[in-house]
Amino acid sequence: MAYSFYRNSLAIWLSNALVKPLWILWIDRSIQNQVGPEAYGGYYQWFNLSLLLAVLLDGGMANYWNQRIASGTFRQGEM
């Protein structure tokens, strides 16, 4: 089991290492050039604010629901 975990982790890490440079240098940069610096800056500002609020508002809810679902006391449709 540990072998497959490490193998899968390595596969995810390698795919991430291949995709991120392509995304940053090719796709993201072409979008920045098309929409202009003001529009992209505004988008980036709101995107970062939404990520910050998602982290702050989570407040342990993800951990709570993971434990609840894993314990078997969760009934579908309860959320």
N, C-alpha and C. Protein backbone atom coordinates (compact mmCIF):
# COMPACT_ATOMS: atom_id res chain seq x y z
N MET A 1 0.82 -1.19 0.00
CA MET A 1 0.00 0.00 0.00
C MET A 1 0.87 1.25 0.00
N ALA A 2 1.93 1.24 0.79
CA ALA A 2 2.80 2.42 0.84
C ALA A 2 3.47 2.64 -0.51
N TYR A 3 3.79 1.54 -1.21
CA TYR A 3 4.44 1.68 -2.51
C TYR A 3 3.52 2.39 -3.50
N SER A 4 2.26 1.98 -3.54
CA SER A 4 1.33 2.62 -4.48
C SER A 4 1.07 4.07 -4.10
N PHE A 5 1.07 4.36 -2.80
CA PHE A 5 0.90 5.75 -2.36
C PHE A 5 2.05 6.61 -2.87
N TYR A 6 3.28 6.15 -2.70
CA TYR A 6 4.44 6.92 -3.15
C TYR A 6 4.48 7.01 -4.68
N ARG A 7 4.11 5.95 -5.34
CA ARG A 7 4.09 5.97 -6.80
C ARG A 7 3.05 6.96 -7.32
N ASN A 8 1.86 6.95 -6.74
CA ASN A 8 0.82 7.89 -7.14
C ASN A 8 1.20 9.32 -6.78
N SER A 9 1.83 9.50 -5.63
CA SER A 9 2.27 10.85 -5.25
C SER A 9 3.31 11.37 -6.22
N LEU A 10 4.22 10.52 -6.64
CA LEU A 10 5.23 10.92 -7.61
C LEU A 10 4.59 11.26 -8.96
N ALA A 11 3.61 10.49 -9.38
CA ALA A 11 2.92 10.77 -10.64
C ALA A 11 2.20 12.10 -10.59
N ILE A 12 1.54 12.39 -9.48
CA ILE A 12 0.86 13.68 -9.34
C ILE A 12 1.86 14.81 -9.32
N TRP A 13 2.96 14.64 -8.60
CA TRP A 13 3.98 15.68 -8.54
C TRP A 13 4.59 15.95 -9.91
N LEU A 14 4.89 14.89 -10.66
CA LEU A 14 5.47 15.07 -11.99
C LEU A 14 4.49 15.75 -12.95
N SER A 15 3.23 15.35 -12.92
CA SER A 15 2.26 16.00 -13.80
C SER A 15 2.07 17.47 -13.41
N ASN A 16 2.12 17.76 -12.14
CA ASN A 16 2.03 19.14 -11.68
C ASN A 16 3.25 19.93 -12.14
N ALA A 17 4.43 19.33 -12.08
CA ALA A 17 5.65 20.01 -12.51
C ALA A 17 5.65 20.26 -14.02
N LEU A 18 4.94 19.44 -14.78
CA LEU A 18 4.86 19.66 -16.22
C LEU A 18 3.79 20.68 -16.60
N VAL A 19 2.68 20.66 -15.91
CA VAL A 19 1.55 21.50 -16.29
C VAL A 19 1.72 22.95 -15.83
N LYS A 20 2.23 23.16 -14.63
CA LYS A 20 2.31 24.53 -14.10
C LYS A 20 3.16 25.47 -14.94
N PRO A 21 4.34 25.09 -15.39
CA PRO A 21 5.09 26.03 -16.24
C PRO A 21 4.36 26.35 -17.54
N LEU A 22 3.70 25.36 -18.13
CA LEU A 22 2.92 25.62 -19.34
C LEU A 22 1.78 26.59 -19.06
N TRP A 23 1.12 26.40 -17.95
CA TRP A 23 0.00 27.28 -17.60
C TRP A 23 0.49 28.71 -17.37
N ILE A 24 1.54 28.85 -16.57
CA ILE A 24 2.02 30.19 -16.21
C ILE A 24 2.62 30.91 -17.41
N LEU A 25 3.45 30.22 -18.18
CA LEU A 25 4.18 30.89 -19.25
C LEU A 25 3.40 30.99 -20.55
N TRP A 26 2.43 30.14 -20.77
CA TRP A 26 1.75 30.14 -22.06
C TRP A 26 0.30 30.60 -21.94
N ILE A 27 -0.51 29.88 -21.21
CA ILE A 27 -1.94 30.16 -21.16
C ILE A 27 -2.23 31.44 -20.37
N ASP A 28 -1.72 31.52 -19.16
CA ASP A 28 -2.00 32.68 -18.32
C ASP A 28 -1.45 33.96 -18.93
N ARG A 29 -0.27 33.88 -19.50
CA ARG A 29 0.33 35.07 -20.11
C ARG A 29 -0.44 35.54 -21.33
N SER A 30 -0.94 34.61 -22.14
CA SER A 30 -1.72 35.01 -23.32
C SER A 30 -3.04 35.65 -22.90
N ILE A 31 -3.66 35.18 -21.82
CA ILE A 31 -4.89 35.80 -21.32
C ILE A 31 -4.59 37.20 -20.80
N GLN A 32 -3.47 37.37 -20.10
CA GLN A 32 -3.08 38.70 -19.62
C GLN A 32 -2.90 39.66 -20.78
N ASN A 33 -2.29 39.21 -21.84
CA ASN A 33 -2.07 40.08 -23.00
C ASN A 33 -3.37 40.42 -23.71
N GLN A 34 -4.33 39.50 -23.73
CA GLN A 34 -5.59 39.74 -24.44
C GLN A 34 -6.51 40.70 -23.69
N VAL A 35 -6.64 40.55 -22.38
CA VAL A 35 -7.60 41.37 -21.64
C VAL A 35 -7.01 42.67 -21.12
N GLY A 36 -5.71 42.78 -21.06
CA GLY A 36 -5.08 44.01 -20.58
C GLY A 36 -4.78 43.95 -19.09
N PRO A 37 -3.86 44.82 -18.65
CA PRO A 37 -3.42 44.75 -17.26
C PRO A 37 -4.50 45.16 -16.24
N GLU A 38 -5.34 46.15 -16.58
CA GLU A 38 -6.35 46.59 -15.61
C GLU A 38 -7.40 45.51 -15.37
N ALA A 39 -7.90 44.92 -16.45
CA ALA A 39 -8.94 43.89 -16.31
C ALA A 39 -8.39 42.66 -15.62
N TYR A 40 -7.18 42.25 -15.99
CA TYR A 40 -6.62 41.05 -15.36
C TYR A 40 -6.27 41.33 -13.90
N GLY A 41 -5.79 42.53 -13.62
CA GLY A 41 -5.49 42.88 -12.23
C GLY A 41 -6.73 42.87 -11.36
N GLY A 42 -7.85 43.37 -11.91
CA GLY A 42 -9.10 43.33 -11.16
C GLY A 42 -9.58 41.91 -10.92
N TYR A 43 -9.47 41.08 -11.95
CA TYR A 43 -9.84 39.67 -11.80
C TYR A 43 -8.97 39.01 -10.74
N TYR A 44 -7.67 39.26 -10.80
CA TYR A 44 -6.75 38.62 -9.87
C TYR A 44 -7.01 39.09 -8.44
N GLN A 45 -7.36 40.36 -8.29
CA GLN A 45 -7.66 40.90 -6.97
C GLN A 45 -8.88 40.20 -6.37
N TRP A 46 -9.96 40.07 -7.14
CA TRP A 46 -11.17 39.42 -6.65
C TRP A 46 -10.96 37.92 -6.43
N PHE A 47 -10.16 37.31 -7.28
CA PHE A 47 -9.86 35.88 -7.12
C PHE A 47 -9.11 35.63 -5.82
N ASN A 48 -8.10 36.45 -5.53
CA ASN A 48 -7.34 36.29 -4.29
C ASN A 48 -8.21 36.56 -3.06
N LEU A 49 -9.10 37.55 -3.15
CA LEU A 49 -10.01 37.81 -2.04
C LEU A 49 -10.92 36.62 -1.80
N SER A 50 -11.42 36.01 -2.85
CA SER A 50 -12.29 34.85 -2.68
C SER A 50 -11.54 33.66 -2.06
N LEU A 51 -10.28 33.47 -2.44
CA LEU A 51 -9.50 32.40 -1.82
C LEU A 51 -9.25 32.67 -0.34
N LEU A 52 -8.94 33.92 -0.02
CA LEU A 52 -8.72 34.30 1.37
C LEU A 52 -9.98 34.09 2.20
N LEU A 53 -11.12 34.51 1.68
CA LEU A 53 -12.38 34.33 2.40
C LEU A 53 -12.74 32.85 2.53
N ALA A 54 -12.44 32.06 1.53
CA ALA A 54 -12.72 30.63 1.61
C ALA A 54 -11.93 29.98 2.74
N VAL A 55 -10.68 30.39 2.91
CA VAL A 55 -9.86 29.84 3.99
C VAL A 55 -10.37 30.32 5.34
N LEU A 56 -10.70 31.61 5.43
CA LEU A 56 -11.16 32.16 6.71
C LEU A 56 -12.54 31.63 7.11
N LEU A 57 -13.42 31.47 6.15
CA LEU A 57 -14.78 31.05 6.46
C LEU A 57 -14.91 29.54 6.66
N ASP A 58 -13.90 28.79 6.25
CA ASP A 58 -13.96 27.34 6.42
C ASP A 58 -14.06 26.99 7.89
N GLY A 59 -13.18 27.52 8.70
CA GLY A 59 -13.25 27.37 10.14
C GLY A 59 -13.36 25.94 10.63
N GLY A 60 -12.77 25.00 9.96
CA GLY A 60 -12.81 23.61 10.39
C GLY A 60 -13.98 22.82 9.85
N MET A 61 -14.80 23.43 9.00
CA MET A 61 -15.97 22.71 8.48
C MET A 61 -15.56 21.52 7.60
N ALA A 62 -14.50 21.68 6.82
CA ALA A 62 -14.05 20.57 5.98
C ALA A 62 -13.62 19.39 6.85
N ASN A 63 -12.88 19.68 7.91
CA ASN A 63 -12.44 18.62 8.81
C ASN A 63 -13.64 17.97 9.50
N TYR A 64 -14.60 18.77 9.92
CA TYR A 64 -15.81 18.25 10.57
C TYR A 64 -16.56 17.29 9.65
N TRP A 65 -16.79 17.70 8.41
CA TRP A 65 -17.55 16.85 7.50
C TRP A 65 -16.77 15.62 7.09
N ASN A 66 -15.45 15.74 6.96
CA ASN A 66 -14.64 14.55 6.66
C ASN A 66 -14.75 13.53 7.77
N GLN A 67 -14.65 13.97 9.02
CA GLN A 67 -14.77 13.06 10.15
C GLN A 67 -16.17 12.46 10.23
N ARG A 68 -17.16 13.28 9.99
CA ARG A 68 -18.55 12.82 10.09
C ARG A 68 -18.85 11.77 9.02
N ILE A 69 -18.42 12.02 7.81
CA ILE A 69 -18.68 11.07 6.73
C ILE A 69 -17.90 9.78 6.95
N ALA A 70 -16.64 9.90 7.40
CA ALA A 70 -15.81 8.72 7.61
C ALA A 70 -16.30 7.87 8.79
N SER A 71 -16.93 8.49 9.77
CA SER A 71 -17.38 7.74 10.94
C SER A 71 -18.62 6.89 10.65
N GLY A 72 -19.32 7.20 9.57
CA GLY A 72 -20.49 6.42 9.21
C GLY A 72 -21.78 6.93 9.82
N THR A 73 -21.73 8.05 10.56
CA THR A 73 -22.95 8.60 11.16
C THR A 73 -23.64 9.60 10.24
N PHE A 74 -23.10 9.80 9.09
CA PHE A 74 -23.66 10.77 8.14
C PHE A 74 -24.70 10.09 7.27
N ARG A 75 -25.87 10.70 7.15
CA ARG A 75 -26.92 10.20 6.27
C ARG A 75 -26.99 11.11 5.05
N GLN A 76 -27.13 10.51 3.89
CA GLN A 76 -27.19 11.28 2.65
C GLN A 76 -28.40 12.21 2.68
N GLY A 77 -28.18 13.45 2.24
CA GLY A 77 -29.23 14.45 2.24
C GLY A 77 -29.27 15.25 3.53
N GLU A 78 -28.35 14.99 4.45
CA GLU A 78 -28.34 15.66 5.74
C GLU A 78 -27.75 17.06 5.67
N MET A 79 -26.91 17.31 4.70
CA MET A 79 -26.29 18.63 4.61
C MET A 79 -27.36 19.61 4.24
